[in-house]
């Protein structure tokens, strides 16, 4: 009888018991069948054949039980060897599986460490960028506040400049309007201010005329003064002239006001 092909997977404990039970049942069935065949052959040889052939037949029949026993032992040995081979194969498969699991675990731990380090670096970079963003927001707010302050100061300076331009324009117009009547206004100013003020103004005007004449002569003679000195003198005279013009303008304004007040009384 041929052996059945054994599967690659090892049999379980229940399957092993079933195989042993089936083998034992098969062996018992063959054994009793062989005994029945032997008995039948012995009876036939006793009644139908002569003695020599009976002996020969008996000898042949006597060999068959040992032959079946040998086949059974061989089957048992083959089944045991199969179980051992399957167990060894399973052991090797389990060992290889454990090695693969160990290698995968090691690789996973290595990747996890690398990812942890990368995550820590990204977290530090994120915190740094957040701090930089906060500083930029604060800097931008400071710049906005500074711009508002500069705009405020610019508005104030612009207002001051506008007022100064207005004052200059008014004074210029007054000087132009007073110039045709300057002599009359000066006379009235002298009368209102008194003799002492009149004399002071006369002396001051005479001194200014004298200085202007001297400067005119010196300007005509470039060797007398250097250019820097001339410029300084001119600037000084311009300032004095402006001061006098303001005084004259104020006096003329005062005269006009007093004339308006004296007009209805006359």
Protein backbone atom coordinates (compact mmCIF):
# COMPACT_ATOMS: atom_id res chain seq x y z
CA UNK A 1 0.00 0.00 0.00
CA UNK A 2 1.39 3.45 -0.98
CA UNK A 3 1.90 6.26 1.58
CA UNK A 4 -0.27 9.32 1.20
CA UNK A 5 1.44 12.64 0.58
CA UNK A 6 1.96 14.61 3.76
CA UNK A 7 0.97 18.29 3.73
CA UNK A 8 3.59 20.94 4.45
CA UNK A 9 1.77 22.19 7.55
CA UNK A 10 2.35 20.14 10.73
CA UNK A 11 -0.69 18.12 11.97
CA UNK A 12 -2.38 19.17 15.13
CA UNK A 13 -2.63 16.97 18.19
CA UNK A 14 -6.18 15.84 17.29
CA UNK A 15 -5.18 15.04 13.75
CA UNK A 16 -2.24 12.97 15.04
CA UNK A 17 -4.58 10.93 17.27
CA UNK A 18 -6.98 10.42 14.38
CA UNK A 19 -4.13 9.24 12.16
CA UNK A 20 -2.92 6.78 14.80
CA UNK A 21 -6.46 5.50 15.33
CA UNK A 22 -7.04 5.07 11.62
CA UNK A 23 -3.71 3.25 11.26
CA UNK A 24 -4.50 0.90 14.13
CA UNK A 25 -7.99 0.15 12.76
CA UNK A 26 -6.57 -0.46 9.32
CA UNK A 27 -3.91 -2.78 10.74
CA UNK A 28 -6.49 -4.77 12.74
CA UNK A 29 -8.75 -5.13 9.73
CA UNK A 30 -5.90 -6.40 7.55
CA UNK A 31 -4.71 -8.72 10.29
CA UNK A 32 -8.07 -10.45 10.71
CA UNK A 33 -8.55 -10.59 6.95
CA UNK A 34 -5.17 -12.26 6.62
CA UNK A 35 -6.07 -14.77 9.34
CA UNK A 36 -9.32 -15.54 7.57
CA UNK A 37 -7.51 -16.05 4.26
CA UNK A 38 -4.92 -18.29 5.94
CA UNK A 39 -7.59 -20.43 7.53
CA UNK A 40 -9.45 -20.77 4.26
CA UNK A 41 -6.30 -21.71 2.39
CA UNK A 42 -5.37 -24.26 5.06
CA UNK A 43 -8.74 -25.95 4.80
CA UNK A 44 -8.51 -26.08 1.03
CA UNK A 45 -5.02 -27.53 1.15
CA UNK A 46 -6.01 -30.23 3.64
CA UNK A 47 -8.98 -31.52 1.69
CA UNK A 48 -8.00 -30.84 -1.92
CA UNK A 49 -4.19 -31.02 -2.24
CA UNK A 50 -1.51 -33.58 -1.28
CA UNK A 51 0.70 -33.15 1.76
CA UNK A 52 3.82 -31.71 0.10
CA UNK A 53 1.88 -28.94 -1.45
CA UNK A 54 0.08 -28.38 1.85
CA UNK A 55 3.41 -27.87 3.55
CA UNK A 56 4.51 -25.50 0.87
CA UNK A 57 1.23 -23.66 1.05
CA UNK A 58 1.48 -23.55 4.81
CA UNK A 59 4.99 -22.13 4.53
CA UNK A 60 3.86 -19.45 2.13
CA UNK A 61 0.87 -18.60 4.25
CA UNK A 62 3.01 -18.34 7.38
CA UNK A 63 5.06 -15.57 5.83
CA UNK A 64 2.15 -13.16 5.22
CA UNK A 65 1.50 -12.00 8.85
CA UNK A 66 5.12 -10.90 9.23
CA UNK A 67 4.93 -9.09 5.94
CA UNK A 68 1.85 -7.11 7.07
CA UNK A 69 3.53 -6.33 10.39
CA UNK A 70 6.56 -4.98 8.55
CA UNK A 71 4.36 -2.75 6.41
CA UNK A 72 2.60 -1.46 9.50
CA UNK A 73 5.89 -0.73 11.25
CA UNK A 74 7.14 1.02 8.16
CA UNK A 75 3.96 3.09 8.06
CA UNK A 76 4.35 3.95 11.73
CA UNK A 77 7.96 4.90 11.23
CA UNK A 78 7.00 6.95 8.18
CA UNK A 79 4.24 8.69 10.13
CA UNK A 80 6.63 9.43 13.01
CA UNK A 81 9.28 10.72 10.63
CA UNK A 82 6.66 12.86 8.94
CA UNK A 83 5.58 14.31 12.28
CA UNK A 84 9.20 14.98 13.24
CA UNK A 85 9.90 16.63 9.90
CA UNK A 86 6.75 18.72 10.22
CA UNK A 87 7.67 19.71 13.77
CA UNK A 88 11.20 20.63 12.67
CA UNK A 89 9.82 22.59 9.75
CA UNK A 90 7.38 24.40 12.05
CA UNK A 91 10.21 25.15 14.47
CA UNK A 92 12.32 26.60 11.66
CA UNK A 93 9.37 28.62 10.35
CA UNK A 94 8.65 29.96 13.85
CA UNK A 95 12.31 30.82 14.33
CA UNK A 96 12.46 32.66 11.01
CA UNK A 97 9.22 34.48 11.91
CA UNK A 98 10.64 35.53 15.27
CA UNK A 99 13.82 36.76 13.57
CA UNK A 100 11.77 38.78 11.09
CA UNK A 101 9.68 40.23 13.92
CA UNK A 102 12.83 41.13 15.82
CA UNK A 103 14.34 42.79 12.73
CA UNK A 104 11.12 44.68 12.02
CA UNK A 105 10.96 45.83 15.64
CA UNK A 106 14.54 47.09 15.46
CA UNK A 107 13.85 48.96 12.20
CA UNK A 108 10.64 50.41 13.65
CA UNK A 109 12.48 51.65 16.75
CA UNK A 110 15.18 53.21 14.57
CA UNK A 111 12.56 54.99 12.43
CA UNK A 112 10.70 56.08 15.57
CA UNK A 113 13.88 57.59 17.03
CA UNK A 114 14.57 59.44 13.78
CA UNK A 115 10.99 60.73 13.62
CA UNK A 116 11.15 61.79 17.28
CA UNK A 117 14.33 63.79 16.65
CA UNK A 118 12.84 65.35 13.52
CA UNK A 119 9.66 66.20 15.42
CA UNK A 120 11.68 67.84 18.21
CA UNK A 121 13.59 69.89 15.65
CA UNK A 122 10.37 70.98 13.96
CA UNK A 123 8.88 71.88 17.33
CA UNK A 124 11.90 74.05 18.19
CA UNK A 125 11.76 75.71 14.78
CA UNK A 126 8.04 76.31 15.22
CA UNK A 127 8.58 77.95 18.61
CA UNK A 128 11.37 80.11 17.15
CA UNK A 129 9.14 81.22 14.29
CA UNK A 130 6.33 82.01 16.73
CA UNK A 131 8.68 84.18 18.79
CA UNK A 132 9.93 85.90 15.65
CA UNK A 133 6.35 86.52 14.58
CA UNK A 134 5.53 88.03 17.97
CA UNK A 135 8.59 90.29 17.79
CA UNK A 136 7.69 91.35 14.26
CA UNK A 137 4.16 92.22 15.36
CA UNK A 138 5.52 94.28 18.25
CA UNK A 139 8.03 96.01 15.98
CA UNK A 140 5.31 96.77 13.46
CA UNK A 141 3.12 98.22 16.22
CA UNK A 142 6.01 100.42 17.41
CA UNK A 143 6.55 101.61 13.85
CA UNK A 144 2.85 102.42 13.50
CA UNK A 145 2.95 104.39 16.76
CA UNK A 146 6.07 106.21 15.58
CA UNK A 147 4.40 107.04 12.27
CA UNK A 148 1.37 108.43 14.09
CA UNK A 149 3.63 110.56 16.29
CA UNK A 150 5.54 111.82 13.25
CA UNK A 151 2.29 112.63 11.46
CA UNK A 152 1.12 114.54 14.53
CA UNK A 153 4.38 116.50 14.74
CA UNK A 154 4.25 117.14 11.00
CA UNK A 155 0.73 118.54 11.35
CA UNK A 156 1.85 120.80 14.17
CA UNK A 157 4.86 122.05 12.22
CA UNK A 158 2.69 122.56 9.16
CA UNK A 159 0.22 124.60 11.21
CA UNK A 160 3.03 126.70 12.66
CA UNK A 161 4.47 127.26 9.21
CA UNK A 162 1.06 128.26 7.91
CA UNK A 163 0.62 130.77 10.74
CA UNK A 164 4.09 132.16 10.14
CA UNK A 165 3.38 132.50 6.43
CA UNK A 166 0.13 134.27 7.25
CA UNK A 167 1.91 136.68 9.58
CA UNK A 168 4.59 137.39 6.98
CA UNK A 169 1.97 137.93 4.31
CA UNK A 170 -0.02 140.31 6.53
CA UNK A 171 3.07 142.27 7.49
CA UNK A 172 4.18 142.49 3.89
CA UNK A 173 0.79 143.82 2.83
CA UNK A 174 0.80 146.34 5.66
CA UNK A 175 4.27 147.56 4.75
CA UNK A 176 3.22 147.99 1.14
CA UNK A 177 0.05 149.84 2.13
CA UNK A 178 1.89 152.10 4.58
CA UNK A 179 4.81 153.02 2.30
CA UNK A 180 3.01 155.87 0.40
CA UNK A 181 2.04 157.49 3.66
CA UNK A 182 5.12 156.60 5.64
CA UNK A 183 6.19 160.20 6.24
CA UNK A 184 2.74 161.22 7.42
CA UNK A 185 2.50 158.13 9.64
CA UNK A 186 5.91 158.83 11.10
CA UNK A 187 4.91 162.40 11.86
CA UNK A 188 1.75 161.29 13.60
CA UNK A 189 3.75 158.70 15.48
CA UNK A 190 6.13 161.35 16.67
CA UNK A 191 3.29 163.56 17.81
CA UNK A 192 1.64 160.73 19.72
CA UNK A 193 4.83 159.28 21.16
CA UNK A 194 6.27 162.58 22.42
CA UNK A 195 9.45 164.56 21.88
CA UNK A 196 11.89 162.14 23.46
CA UNK A 197 10.75 159.23 21.35
CA UNK A 198 10.83 161.44 18.30
CA UNK A 199 14.42 162.40 18.96
CA UNK A 200 15.38 158.80 19.57
CA UNK A 201 13.81 157.73 16.30
CA UNK A 202 15.52 160.56 14.48
CA UNK A 203 18.90 159.62 15.87
CA UNK A 204 18.30 155.95 15.11
CA UNK A 205 17.21 156.72 11.57
CA UNK A 206 20.20 158.99 11.06
CA UNK A 207 22.51 156.29 12.37
CA UNK A 208 20.94 153.72 10.09
CA UNK A 209 21.31 156.01 7.10
CA UNK A 210 24.91 156.63 8.01
CA UNK A 211 25.57 152.89 8.35
CA UNK A 212 23.86 152.24 5.05
CA UNK A 213 25.98 154.85 3.34
CA UNK A 214 29.13 153.38 4.83
CA UNK A 215 28.14 149.91 3.77
CA UNK A 216 27.34 151.14 0.30
CA UNK A 217 30.76 152.71 -0.02
CA UNK A 218 32.44 149.64 1.37
CA UNK A 219 30.52 147.38 -1.00
CA UNK A 220 31.65 149.53 -3.88
CA UNK A 221 35.22 149.06 -2.63
CA UNK A 222 35.73 145.26 -2.47
CA UNK A 223 39.16 145.59 -0.92
CA UNK A 224 37.83 147.10 2.28
CA UNK A 225 35.99 144.04 3.57
CA UNK A 226 36.11 140.39 2.86
CA UNK A 227 33.16 138.58 1.38
CA UNK A 228 32.37 136.80 4.66
CA UNK A 229 32.28 140.05 6.60
CA UNK A 230 30.07 141.63 3.99
CA UNK A 231 27.65 138.75 4.15
CA UNK A 232 27.56 138.96 7.95
CA UNK A 233 26.91 142.68 7.84
CA UNK A 234 24.21 142.28 5.22
CA UNK A 235 22.49 139.61 7.29
CA UNK A 236 22.66 141.83 10.38
CA UNK A 237 21.24 144.78 8.49
CA UNK A 238 18.49 142.65 7.05
CA UNK A 239 17.50 141.54 10.53
CA UNK A 240 17.53 145.11 11.78
CA UNK A 241 15.53 146.20 8.78
CA UNK A 242 12.93 143.53 9.42
CA UNK A 243 12.72 144.53 13.07
CA UNK A 244 12.23 148.16 12.12
CA UNK A 245 9.60 147.24 9.58
CA UNK A 246 7.68 145.32 12.23
CA UNK A 247 7.90 148.32 14.56
CA UNK A 248 6.78 150.68 11.84
CA UNK A 249 3.92 148.35 10.94
CA UNK A 250 2.79 148.17 14.55
CA UNK A 251 2.97 151.94 14.90
CA UNK A 252 1.02 152.45 11.72
CA UNK A 253 -1.63 150.05 12.94
CA UNK A 254 -1.82 151.95 16.20
CA UNK A 255 -2.11 155.27 14.36
CA UNK A 256 -4.88 153.97 12.16
CA UNK A 257 -6.80 152.71 15.15
CA UNK A 258 -6.44 156.01 16.97
CA UNK A 259 -7.48 157.93 13.87
CA UNK A 260 -10.62 155.84 13.68
CA UNK A 261 -11.34 156.64 17.30
CA UNK A 262 -10.67 160.40 16.89
CA UNK A 263 -12.68 160.80 13.69
CA UNK A 264 -16.24 160.75 15.15
CA UNK A 265 -15.26 163.18 17.96
CA UNK A 266 -14.16 165.87 15.49
